[in-house]
Protein backbone atom coordinates (compact mmCIF):
# COMPACT_ATOMS: atom_id res chain seq x y z
CA MET A 1 3.02 -59.46 -2.44
CA THR A 2 3.60 -56.90 -5.17
CA ASP A 3 -0.16 -56.64 -5.56
CA GLY A 4 -0.49 -55.32 -1.99
CA ILE A 5 2.36 -52.84 -2.56
CA ASN A 6 0.72 -51.56 -5.73
CA LYS A 7 -2.62 -51.11 -3.93
CA ALA A 8 -0.93 -49.26 -1.07
CA ARG A 9 0.96 -47.05 -3.51
CA ILE A 10 -2.31 -46.14 -5.25
CA LEU A 11 -3.93 -45.30 -1.91
CA LEU A 12 -0.98 -43.15 -0.81
CA THR A 13 -0.77 -41.04 -3.95
CA PRO A 14 -2.49 -37.66 -3.37
CA PRO A 15 -5.35 -36.81 -5.70
CA VAL A 16 -4.55 -34.32 -8.45
CA LYS A 17 -6.56 -31.13 -8.08
CA SER A 18 -7.61 -29.31 -11.19
CA GLU A 19 -6.94 -25.59 -11.44
CA ASN A 20 -9.68 -23.27 -10.28
CA PRO A 21 -10.68 -20.68 -12.92
CA TRP A 22 -12.13 -18.41 -10.21
CA ALA A 23 -8.73 -18.09 -8.56
CA LEU A 24 -7.21 -16.94 -11.84
CA LEU A 25 -10.04 -14.44 -12.33
CA GLY A 26 -9.57 -13.09 -8.81
CA ALA A 27 -5.83 -12.66 -9.24
CA ALA A 28 -6.29 -10.93 -12.58
CA SER A 29 -8.88 -8.54 -11.19
CA LEU A 30 -6.65 -7.71 -8.21
CA ALA A 31 -3.75 -6.95 -10.55
CA ALA A 32 -6.00 -4.83 -12.78
CA MET A 33 -7.31 -2.84 -9.83
CA ALA A 34 -3.77 -2.19 -8.57
CA ALA A 35 -2.72 -1.03 -12.04
CA VAL A 36 -5.67 1.37 -12.28
CA LEU A 37 -4.94 2.81 -8.83
CA MET A 38 -1.26 3.29 -9.65
CA ALA A 39 -2.15 4.91 -12.98
CA GLY A 40 -4.53 7.27 -11.18
CA ILE A 41 -1.72 8.44 -8.91
CA VAL A 42 0.55 8.99 -11.91
CA VAL A 43 -2.15 10.96 -13.76
CA LEU A 44 -2.61 13.26 -10.77
CA GLY A 45 1.07 14.05 -10.93
CA PRO A 46 3.56 15.37 -8.41
CA GLY A 47 1.98 18.86 -8.24
CA VAL A 48 -1.30 17.63 -6.80
CA ARG A 49 -1.50 17.53 -3.04
CA ILE A 50 -4.36 15.87 -1.20
CA ASP A 51 -4.72 17.45 2.23
CA GLU A 52 -6.02 15.25 4.96
CA ALA A 53 -8.46 16.68 7.44
CA VAL A 54 -6.81 17.68 10.69
CA VAL A 55 -8.67 16.47 13.73
CA SER A 56 -7.85 18.26 16.93
CA VAL A 57 -8.37 16.30 20.10
CA GLU A 58 -8.21 18.95 22.78
CA GLN A 59 -9.86 18.48 26.09
CA THR A 60 -11.74 21.47 27.35
CA PRO A 61 -11.88 21.96 31.12
CA TYR A 62 -15.34 21.80 32.64
């Protein structure tokens, strides 16, 4: 009887997944890109102003 319980216990245990090195590389590259973007904003400084283009959506009468 204990043999059947041991077999069932083995079948019910989930398989252990190994870590994916690509996931670690993706997370590291995302963090590096965020750090570079934040550093770029800091280098520009508070005196730099980036003006956005103003788009006027006026309807002209025909």
